[in-house]
Protein backbone atom coordinates (compact mmCIF):
# COMPACT_ATOMS: atom_id res chain seq x y z
CA MET A 1 -12.01 9.76 2.09
CA ALA A 2 -13.80 6.41 1.70
CA THR A 3 -16.62 4.44 3.31
CA VAL A 4 -16.11 0.88 4.62
CA CYS A 5 -19.18 -1.29 5.17
CA ILE A 6 -19.14 -4.15 7.69
CA LEU A 7 -21.61 -7.03 7.37
CA GLY A 8 -22.58 -7.84 10.94
CA ALA A 9 -22.55 -6.20 14.34
CA GLY A 10 -20.89 -8.92 16.40
CA ASP A 11 -17.59 -8.87 18.27
CA ILE A 12 -15.37 -9.11 15.18
CA ALA A 13 -17.41 -6.41 13.44
CA GLY A 14 -17.16 -4.11 16.45
CA ALA A 15 -13.39 -4.57 16.73
CA ALA A 16 -12.96 -3.84 13.01
CA ALA A 17 -15.18 -0.75 13.20
CA HIS A 18 -13.29 0.62 16.20
CA ALA A 19 -9.90 0.01 14.54
CA LEU A 20 -11.01 1.75 11.34
CA ALA A 21 -12.36 4.70 13.30
CA ARG A 22 -9.17 5.09 15.34
CA GLY A 23 -7.01 4.89 12.21
CA GLU A 24 -8.92 7.77 10.59
CA ARG A 25 -8.03 6.61 7.09
CA VAL A 26 -11.70 6.37 6.17
CA SER A 27 -14.44 8.96 6.53
CA ARG A 28 -17.31 6.63 7.38
CA VAL A 29 -17.95 3.12 8.73
CA LEU A 30 -21.35 1.48 8.21
CA LEU A 31 -22.45 -1.58 10.23
CA VAL A 32 -25.09 -3.70 8.46
CA ASP A 33 -27.03 -6.23 10.55
CA ALA A 34 -30.60 -7.53 10.69
CA GLU A 35 -30.60 -6.46 14.35
CA VAL A 36 -30.64 -2.82 13.37
CA ARG A 37 -30.87 -1.50 16.93
CA ALA A 38 -27.74 -3.45 17.89
CA ALA A 39 -25.88 -2.17 14.82
CA ALA A 40 -26.93 1.43 15.43
CA GLY A 41 -26.15 1.18 19.14
CA LYS A 42 -22.67 -0.24 18.57
CA ALA A 43 -21.94 2.43 15.95
CA LEU A 44 -23.08 5.17 18.34
CA ASP A 45 -21.01 3.74 21.22
CA ILE A 46 -17.85 3.68 19.10
CA GLN A 47 -18.46 7.15 17.71
CA GLN A 48 -18.95 8.60 21.20
CA SER A 49 -15.59 7.10 22.20
CA GLY A 50 -14.02 9.43 19.63
CA ALA A 51 -14.06 12.19 22.23
CA VAL A 52 -11.64 10.08 24.27
CA ASP A 53 -9.62 8.55 21.42
CA HIS A 54 -9.61 11.80 19.39
CA PHE A 55 -11.03 10.54 16.10
CA HIS A 56 -13.76 12.06 13.96
CA VAL A 57 -14.89 9.18 11.73
CA ARG A 58 -18.64 8.90 11.27
CA LEU A 59 -20.26 5.56 12.21
CA ASP A 60 -23.80 4.40 11.37
CA GLY A 61 -25.86 1.22 11.71
CA THR A 62 -28.51 -0.14 9.34
CA ASP A 63 -30.32 -3.30 8.26
CA ASP A 64 -30.45 -2.24 4.59
CA PRO A 65 -27.76 -3.97 2.46
CA THR A 66 -28.49 -1.67 -0.49
CA ARG A 67 -26.59 1.04 1.37
CA LEU A 68 -23.37 -0.80 0.46
CA ALA A 69 -23.51 1.02 -2.89
CA GLY A 70 -20.53 3.31 -3.33
CA CYS A 71 -18.41 1.85 -0.53
CA ALA A 72 -14.67 1.30 -1.01
CA ALA A 73 -14.54 -2.08 0.74
CA VAL A 74 -16.87 -4.55 2.44
CA ILE A 75 -15.84 -6.52 5.54
CA VAL A 76 -17.77 -9.78 5.96
CA ALA A 77 -17.69 -10.26 9.74
CA ASP A 78 -20.11 -11.79 12.29
CA ARG A 79 -23.80 -11.32 13.04
CA PHE A 80 -25.04 -9.90 16.30
CA GLY A 81 -26.26 -12.55 18.74
CA ARG A 82 -25.41 -14.69 21.74
CA PRO A 83 -22.86 -15.83 20.82
CA PRO A 84 -22.03 -13.85 17.66
CA ALA A 85 -21.83 -16.02 14.55
CA GLU A 86 -19.48 -15.56 11.59
CA TRP A 87 -21.18 -15.34 8.21
CA GLN A 88 -20.80 -18.77 6.58
CA GLY A 89 -22.80 -21.55 4.93
CA GLU A 90 -25.77 -20.92 2.66
CA ASP A 91 -26.79 -17.77 4.53
CA GLY A 92 -23.27 -16.42 4.23
CA LEU A 93 -23.09 -17.17 0.52
CA ALA A 94 -26.44 -15.48 -0.12
CA MET A 95 -25.36 -12.39 1.83
CA THR A 96 -21.96 -12.34 0.08
CA THR A 97 -23.60 -12.55 -3.35
CA ARG A 98 -25.97 -9.68 -2.54
CA ALA A 99 -23.16 -7.61 -1.06
CA ALA A 100 -20.97 -8.12 -4.13
CA ALA A 101 -23.79 -6.92 -6.36
CA PHE A 102 -24.63 -3.83 -4.28
CA ALA A 103 -20.96 -2.90 -3.72
CA GLY A 104 -20.05 -2.80 -7.41
CA ASP A 105 -16.35 -3.54 -7.84
CA ALA A 106 -15.42 -3.06 -4.17
CA PRO A 107 -13.30 -5.85 -2.64
CA LEU A 108 -14.78 -8.17 0.00
CA VAL A 109 -12.68 -8.83 3.11
CA PHE A 110 -13.62 -12.01 4.99
CA ALA A 111 -12.69 -11.32 8.60
CA GLY A 112 -13.64 -14.62 10.25
CA ALA A 113 -11.44 -17.62 11.02
CA MET A 114 -13.99 -20.07 9.58
CA GLN A 115 -14.86 -18.37 6.29
CA ALA A 116 -12.44 -20.10 3.89
CA GLU A 117 -15.24 -22.19 2.38
CA LEU A 118 -17.40 -19.09 2.00
CA LEU A 119 -14.56 -17.37 0.13
CA ARG A 120 -14.21 -20.38 -2.20
CA SER A 121 -17.97 -20.54 -2.81
CA GLY A 122 -18.03 -16.84 -3.65
CA ALA A 123 -15.59 -17.45 -6.47
CA GLN A 124 -16.88 -20.78 -7.79
CA GLU A 125 -20.63 -20.51 -7.25
CA SER A 126 -21.32 -16.77 -7.29
CA HIS A 127 -18.60 -16.07 -9.89
CA ILE A 128 -17.19 -13.10 -8.02
CA ALA A 129 -13.79 -12.04 -9.36
CA ARG A 130 -11.03 -13.79 -7.39
CA ARG A 131 -9.07 -10.60 -6.87
CA ARG A 132 -12.05 -9.15 -4.93
CA LEU A 133 -12.20 -12.04 -2.41
CA ILE A 134 -9.69 -11.64 0.43
CA GLY A 135 -9.48 -13.40 3.79
CA SER A 136 -7.77 -11.35 6.49
CA ALA A 137 -7.50 -13.95 9.30
CA PRO A 138 -3.93 -15.07 8.34
CA GLU A 139 -2.71 -11.55 9.10
CA ALA A 140 -4.07 -11.93 12.63
CA LEU A 141 -2.16 -15.21 12.95
CA ALA A 142 1.00 -13.60 11.58
CA GLY A 143 0.68 -10.84 14.17
CA ALA A 144 0.49 -13.41 16.98
CA VAL A 145 3.56 -15.22 15.65
CA ARG A 146 5.48 -11.92 15.45
CA ALA A 147 4.62 -11.25 19.08
CA MET A 148 5.96 -14.66 20.14
CA VAL A 149 9.16 -14.20 18.12
CA ALA A 150 9.66 -10.80 19.75
CA VAL A 151 9.44 -12.39 23.20
CA GLU A 152 12.04 -15.03 22.27
CA ALA A 153 14.36 -12.46 20.69
CA GLY A 154 13.84 -9.75 23.31
CA CYS A 155 12.86 -7.14 20.73
CA ALA A 156 9.80 -5.15 19.65
CA PRO A 157 7.21 -6.94 17.44
CA ALA A 158 7.66 -4.18 14.84
CA GLU A 159 11.23 -5.43 14.26
CA VAL A 160 10.00 -8.89 13.24
CA ASP A 161 9.22 -9.48 9.56
CA LEU A 162 7.55 -12.77 8.64
CA THR A 163 4.55 -14.21 6.86
CA VAL A 164 2.37 -17.31 6.99
CA LEU A 165 1.43 -19.68 4.17
CA GLY A 166 -0.95 -22.61 3.91
CA ALA A 167 -4.60 -23.13 4.71
CA PRO A 168 -6.88 -23.18 7.78
CA PRO A 169 -7.58 -24.69 10.18
CA ASP A 170 -4.29 -26.51 10.87
CA GLY A 171 -2.28 -26.31 7.69
CA PHE A 172 -0.30 -23.10 8.22
CA VAL A 173 3.44 -22.95 7.60
CA VAL A 174 5.78 -20.16 8.70
CA PRO A 175 8.75 -19.84 6.30
CA TRP A 176 11.37 -19.20 8.99
CA SER A 177 14.15 -19.20 6.39
CA GLU A 178 12.70 -15.97 4.93
CA ALA A 179 11.88 -14.27 8.26
CA SER A 180 14.04 -11.54 9.76
CA ILE A 181 14.54 -9.63 13.01
CA GLY A 182 15.77 -6.06 12.69
CA GLY A 183 17.05 -6.82 9.20
CA TYR A 184 18.99 -9.92 10.26
CA CYS A 185 18.03 -13.46 9.23
CA LEU A 186 15.84 -14.91 11.97
CA GLU A 187 17.61 -18.29 11.88
CA ARG A 188 20.87 -16.54 12.79
CA VAL A 189 19.34 -14.64 15.69
CA LEU A 190 17.41 -17.49 17.32
CA SER A 191 18.70 -20.93 18.25
CA GLN A 192 17.23 -24.18 16.93
CA VAL A 193 15.74 -24.80 20.36
CA GLN A 194 13.93 -21.46 20.20
CA LEU A 195 12.72 -22.17 16.65
CA SER A 196 11.38 -25.57 17.67
CA ARG A 197 9.56 -23.97 20.59
CA LEU A 198 8.05 -21.34 18.29
CA GLU A 199 6.87 -23.96 15.79
CA ALA A 200 5.16 -25.94 18.54
CA ARG A 201 3.40 -22.85 19.87
CA THR A 202 2.38 -21.58 16.42
CA ALA A 203 0.35 -24.74 15.83
CA ARG A 204 -1.86 -23.81 18.81
CA LEU A 205 -2.53 -20.18 17.81
CA TRP A 206 -5.43 -20.90 15.44
CA PRO A 207 -8.09 -19.57 15.54
CA PRO A 208 -7.28 -16.00 16.63
CA GLY A 209 -9.75 -14.23 18.90
CA PRO A 210 -12.40 -11.77 17.67
CA PHE A 211 -10.41 -8.66 18.62
CA ALA A 212 -7.34 -9.83 16.65
CA LEU A 213 -9.53 -10.84 13.71
CA GLY A 214 -11.26 -7.45 13.68
CA LEU A 215 -7.98 -5.53 13.77
CA ALA A 216 -6.55 -7.67 10.95
CA ALA A 217 -9.65 -7.02 8.82
CA ALA A 218 -9.32 -3.27 9.43
CA ARG A 219 -5.64 -3.38 8.45
CA VAL A 220 -6.46 -5.20 5.22
CA ALA A 221 -9.31 -2.78 4.41
CA GLU A 222 -7.00 0.21 4.94
CA ALA A 223 -4.34 -1.39 2.72
CA LEU A 224 -6.94 -1.86 -0.02
CA ILE A 225 -8.13 1.73 0.14
CA ASN A 226 -4.68 3.30 0.38
CA HIS A 227 -2.90 0.90 -2.04
CA SER A 228 -0.27 -0.04 0.53
CA ARG A 229 3.05 -1.28 -0.80
CA ARG A 230 3.47 -3.66 2.11
CA ALA A 231 2.49 -7.28 1.49
CA LEU A 232 0.00 -8.74 3.98
CA SER A 233 -0.75 -12.40 4.68
CA VAL A 234 -4.22 -13.06 3.25
CA LEU A 235 -6.42 -15.93 2.14
CA MET A 236 -7.25 -16.09 -1.54
CA VAL A 237 -8.43 -18.50 -4.21
CA LEU A 238 -5.11 -19.67 -5.62
CA ASP A 239 -4.72 -19.26 -9.38
CA GLY A 240 -1.39 -20.88 -10.10
CA GLN A 241 0.46 -19.57 -7.05
CA LEU A 242 2.47 -22.37 -5.43
CA GLY A 243 1.48 -24.48 -8.44
CA ILE A 244 -2.13 -24.80 -7.25
CA ARG A 245 -5.45 -23.63 -8.72
CA GLY A 246 -8.92 -23.43 -7.25
CA ARG A 247 -7.96 -24.07 -3.61
CA ILE A 248 -7.93 -21.60 -0.72
CA GLY A 249 -4.49 -20.69 0.58
CA ALA A 250 -2.73 -18.02 2.62
CA ILE A 251 -0.08 -16.07 0.76
CA PRO A 252 1.57 -12.63 0.99
CA ALA A 253 -0.19 -10.15 -1.30
CA VAL A 254 0.00 -6.48 -2.22
CA LEU A 255 -3.45 -4.90 -2.21
CA SER A 256 -5.05 -2.12 -4.25
CA PRO A 257 -8.53 -0.55 -4.40
CA ALA A 258 -9.48 -3.26 -6.93
CA GLY A 259 -8.42 -6.10 -4.63
CA ILE A 260 -5.34 -8.31 -4.87
CA ALA A 261 -2.84 -6.55 -7.09
CA GLN A 262 0.17 -8.84 -6.75
CA THR A 263 1.24 -11.93 -4.84
CA ARG A 264 4.71 -12.46 -3.41
CA VAL A 265 5.67 -16.08 -2.88
CA PRO A 266 8.72 -16.37 -0.60
CA ILE A 267 11.60 -18.69 -1.44
CA LEU A 268 11.18 -21.86 0.63
CA ASN A 269 13.70 -24.48 1.64
CA THR A 270 12.94 -28.14 0.92
CA ARG A 271 11.43 -28.85 4.35
CA GLU A 272 9.12 -25.82 4.19
CA ARG A 273 7.98 -26.63 0.66
CA VAL A 274 7.12 -30.23 1.57
CA ARG A 275 5.15 -29.04 4.62
CA LEU A 276 3.32 -26.44 2.53
CA GLU A 277 2.41 -28.92 -0.22
CA THR A 278 1.09 -31.28 2.44
CA ALA A 279 -0.94 -28.50 4.05
CA LEU A 280 -2.51 -27.49 0.74
CA GLY A 281 -3.11 -31.05 -0.37
CA ALA A 282 -0.94 -30.55 -3.44
C-alpha cells in the first residue's frame, strides 16, 4: 500500500485526504503545511472519523516537505488560512519545484481550479517531466456535467459517460457527439432543447467547489497508484495532442504510477472541433 502526500491543509486538501482515507486504496495520507498544528489537527480529525466510516488509513500532519520522499503521489492543494489559498504564483512554483525533487519520480496532481499556470511553469521553468504534471480539476467539472445530464435523462450519474476538453477558466468543450447514456448515444436520448439547456448550464459550472475539487484529486491519485484503465479528464501540458504543443489543455488520459501513460482524444464533429480550437487558441 502507498503513501499520498498533500501540500496544504485547506478545504481542498481536507476533502482530498478524507476521500483517500475512505477509499482505503492507500495506507497513509500526509498533510504538509506551514501551519503544522492545523495540518496535524485536520489529519487527527479525519482519522478519528474512521471509527464511524470504517476505514483504517493512517493520517499525519507535518511542516517538513522532506517527508515527501518515498510517496507514490503528491497532491498540490491549498494552504491553511482564512480563506484557504490554492498554491499558485511564485510561492507555488517554488513549493512545486521542491516537492518534485523530494518526491523523486512521483506524479504531481494539481487539485485547484486556478493552477493551470502553475502546471505550465512546472514544465517550462522547473523542467519537471510533463507526464508527472496532472491537473485534476476537469474531472470535477466532468462529474458536475454528468450529474446534470442524469437529471435531464432521468437516470443515475453512473450511467452517463462523457469527458471535457479545452482549457480553464471558460474554454471547456463537452464533446456531446461522443457521450453516451447507458450505452446509447447521448444525442439520441436527449432532445436538442435539452442539449442546448445543458450547454448553457455547463458554461456556469466553473470553478467547482473545494469539496468537488478534493474528491477529483483523490480519484486521480488513486488512478495513478492503481494504474486504472479508465480514462479521466485531466489538465496536462499538451505535446502534440489536438495539434498543439506547450499549452495547457484538458484531455482524457489513462494514468499509471509514472504519470500520464496514454491520452485518448475523442472524435469530434466540425462544430466541436472549431469550438475546441477557439478555446485553446489554436
